[in-house]
N, C-alpha and C. Protein backbone atom coordinates (compact mmCIF):
# COMPACT_ATOMS: atom_id res chain seq x y z
N MET A 1 -17.14 37.53 10.87
CA MET A 1 -18.03 37.86 11.25
C MET A 1 -19.25 36.76 11.21
N ALA A 2 -19.91 36.35 12.23
CA ALA A 2 -20.94 35.33 12.42
C ALA A 2 -22.06 35.95 12.01
N ARG A 3 -22.39 34.83 10.89
CA ARG A 3 -24.00 34.85 10.03
C ARG A 3 -25.32 34.84 10.85
N ARG A 4 -25.82 35.41 10.88
CA ARG A 4 -27.05 35.46 11.52
C ARG A 4 -27.97 33.81 10.54
N PRO A 5 -28.46 33.38 11.72
CA PRO A 5 -29.31 31.51 10.85
C PRO A 5 -31.20 32.23 9.99
N ALA A 6 -30.70 32.08 9.43
CA ALA A 6 -31.97 32.03 8.31
C ALA A 6 -33.31 32.30 9.21
N ARG A 7 -33.95 33.06 9.24
CA ARG A 7 -35.34 33.13 10.19
C ARG A 7 -36.36 31.83 9.46
N LYS A 8 -36.72 31.68 10.03
CA LYS A 8 -38.15 30.31 10.10
C LYS A 8 -39.49 31.15 10.19
N ARG A 9 -40.32 30.57 9.24
CA ARG A 9 -41.26 30.98 8.85
C ARG A 9 -42.52 30.82 8.63
N LYS A 10 -43.68 31.10 9.83
CA LYS A 10 -44.54 30.03 9.15
C LYS A 10 -45.83 30.11 8.13
N PRO A 11 -46.01 29.10 7.82
CA PRO A 11 -46.57 28.79 6.33
C PRO A 11 -47.62 29.44 6.11
N ASP A 12 -48.16 30.49 5.16
CA ASP A 12 -49.55 30.85 4.88
C ASP A 12 -50.05 30.33 3.72
N PRO A 13 -51.36 29.49 4.35
CA PRO A 13 -51.88 29.00 3.14
C PRO A 13 -52.06 30.24 1.72
N ALA A 14 -52.39 31.29 2.04
CA ALA A 14 -52.87 32.24 1.04
C ALA A 14 -51.30 32.79 0.60
N LEU A 15 -50.20 32.75 0.52
CA LEU A 15 -49.21 33.03 0.40
C LEU A 15 -48.85 32.51 -0.75
N PRO A 16 -48.35 33.14 -1.95
CA PRO A 16 -48.49 32.59 -3.38
C PRO A 16 -46.69 31.73 -3.51
N ILE A 17 -46.77 30.82 -4.16
CA ILE A 17 -45.86 29.94 -3.95
C ILE A 17 -45.44 30.04 -5.60
N LEU A 18 -43.87 30.18 -5.59
CA LEU A 18 -42.85 30.10 -6.70
C LEU A 18 -42.44 28.52 -6.86
N GLN A 19 -42.88 27.95 -8.36
CA GLN A 19 -42.00 27.13 -8.85
C GLN A 19 -40.95 27.44 -9.79
N LEU A 20 -39.08 26.46 -9.27
CA LEU A 20 -38.15 27.04 -9.92
C LEU A 20 -37.88 26.11 -10.30
N LYS A 21 -36.99 25.86 -11.76
CA LYS A 21 -36.53 24.31 -12.09
C LYS A 21 -34.53 25.21 -12.13
N ILE A 22 -34.34 24.68 -11.55
CA ILE A 22 -32.93 24.77 -10.94
C ILE A 22 -32.12 23.93 -12.36
N ARG A 23 -30.94 24.06 -13.24
CA ARG A 23 -30.30 22.65 -13.89
C ARG A 23 -28.72 23.67 -14.15
N LEU A 24 -27.85 22.90 -13.83
CA LEU A 24 -25.95 23.14 -14.31
C LEU A 24 -25.99 23.14 -15.63
N LEU A 25 -25.85 23.73 -15.52
CA LEU A 25 -25.39 24.10 -17.73
C LEU A 25 -23.94 23.22 -17.37
N ASP A 26 -23.61 23.01 -18.76
CA ASP A 26 -22.44 22.35 -19.53
C ASP A 26 -21.99 21.29 -18.21
N VAL A 27 -23.37 19.82 -18.42
CA VAL A 27 -23.02 18.97 -17.14
C VAL A 27 -23.94 17.97 -17.85
N SER A 28 -23.01 16.95 -17.91
CA SER A 28 -23.56 16.02 -18.79
C SER A 28 -23.65 14.31 -17.99
N PRO A 29 -24.73 14.24 -17.63
CA PRO A 29 -25.97 13.83 -17.92
C PRO A 29 -26.74 15.11 -17.09
N MET A 30 -28.26 15.56 -18.16
CA MET A 30 -28.42 17.34 -17.33
C MET A 30 -28.82 17.23 -15.53
N VAL A 31 -28.05 17.70 -14.82
CA VAL A 31 -28.66 18.13 -13.28
C VAL A 31 -29.82 18.57 -13.21
N TRP A 32 -30.73 18.82 -12.61
CA TRP A 32 -31.85 19.73 -12.29
C TRP A 32 -32.59 19.53 -11.12
N ARG A 33 -33.47 20.66 -10.66
CA ARG A 33 -34.35 20.27 -9.15
C ARG A 33 -35.61 21.20 -9.82
N ARG A 34 -36.40 20.73 -9.06
CA ARG A 34 -37.86 21.69 -9.03
C ARG A 34 -38.16 22.14 -7.67
N LEU A 35 -38.33 23.48 -7.04
CA LEU A 35 -38.08 23.79 -5.82
C LEU A 35 -38.90 24.66 -6.16
N LEU A 36 -40.19 24.10 -4.61
CA LEU A 36 -41.61 24.98 -4.69
C LEU A 36 -40.79 26.33 -3.53
N VAL A 37 -41.12 27.24 -3.52
CA VAL A 37 -40.53 27.86 -2.56
C VAL A 37 -41.69 29.84 -2.24
N PRO A 38 -41.74 29.97 -0.91
CA PRO A 38 -42.87 31.25 -0.73
C PRO A 38 -42.03 32.32 -1.64
N ALA A 39 -42.73 33.06 -2.22
CA ALA A 39 -42.49 33.94 -2.80
C ALA A 39 -42.11 35.47 -2.07
N THR A 40 -42.30 35.25 -0.89
CA THR A 40 -42.04 35.99 0.31
C THR A 40 -39.85 35.86 0.45
N THR A 41 -39.65 34.44 -0.35
CA THR A 41 -38.31 33.98 0.17
C THR A 41 -37.23 34.74 -0.47
N SER A 42 -36.15 35.33 0.48
CA SER A 42 -35.28 36.81 0.20
C SER A 42 -33.94 35.89 -0.65
N LEU A 43 -33.26 36.88 -1.29
CA LEU A 43 -32.15 36.31 -1.49
C LEU A 43 -31.27 34.81 -1.01
N GLN A 44 -30.81 35.88 0.09
CA GLN A 44 -30.03 35.20 0.98
C GLN A 44 -30.66 34.03 1.56
N GLU A 45 -32.03 33.92 1.32
CA GLU A 45 -32.35 32.59 1.90
C GLU A 45 -32.26 31.36 0.54
N LEU A 46 -32.87 32.19 -0.44
CA LEU A 46 -32.73 31.32 -1.84
C LEU A 46 -31.48 30.75 -2.18
N HIS A 47 -30.49 31.17 -1.99
CA HIS A 47 -29.39 31.25 -1.83
C HIS A 47 -28.98 29.41 -1.00
N GLY A 48 -29.51 30.06 -0.07
CA GLY A 48 -29.37 28.97 0.80
C GLY A 48 -29.95 27.82 0.38
N ILE A 49 -31.21 28.13 0.17
CA ILE A 49 -31.98 26.81 -0.55
C ILE A 49 -31.07 26.37 -1.53
N LEU A 50 -30.74 27.12 -2.73
CA LEU A 50 -30.06 26.61 -4.05
C LEU A 50 -29.00 25.67 -3.39
N GLN A 51 -28.37 26.23 -2.30
CA GLN A 51 -26.97 25.35 -2.10
C GLN A 51 -27.24 23.43 -1.55
N VAL A 52 -28.39 23.85 -1.02
CA VAL A 52 -28.39 22.45 -0.41
C VAL A 52 -28.98 21.65 -0.72
N ALA A 53 -30.35 22.44 -2.04
CA ALA A 53 -30.55 21.27 -3.13
C ALA A 53 -29.52 20.85 -4.43
N MET A 54 -28.94 21.62 -4.56
CA MET A 54 -27.65 21.05 -5.70
C MET A 54 -26.89 20.58 -5.06
N GLY A 55 -26.56 20.39 -3.67
CA GLY A 55 -25.62 19.29 -2.52
C GLY A 55 -24.03 20.38 -3.05
């Protein structure tokens, strides 16, 4: 089954932005990323963002 590409949204200046700190457990040295994502980001979109951010 083919996956649909993620929808691209235009940023809305009034939209809240969430700051997330993501870290990998049991890895030394600590690997972490700080991400800024729109509050309307779906779980499916967040999954893709995390995959790209963490490599």
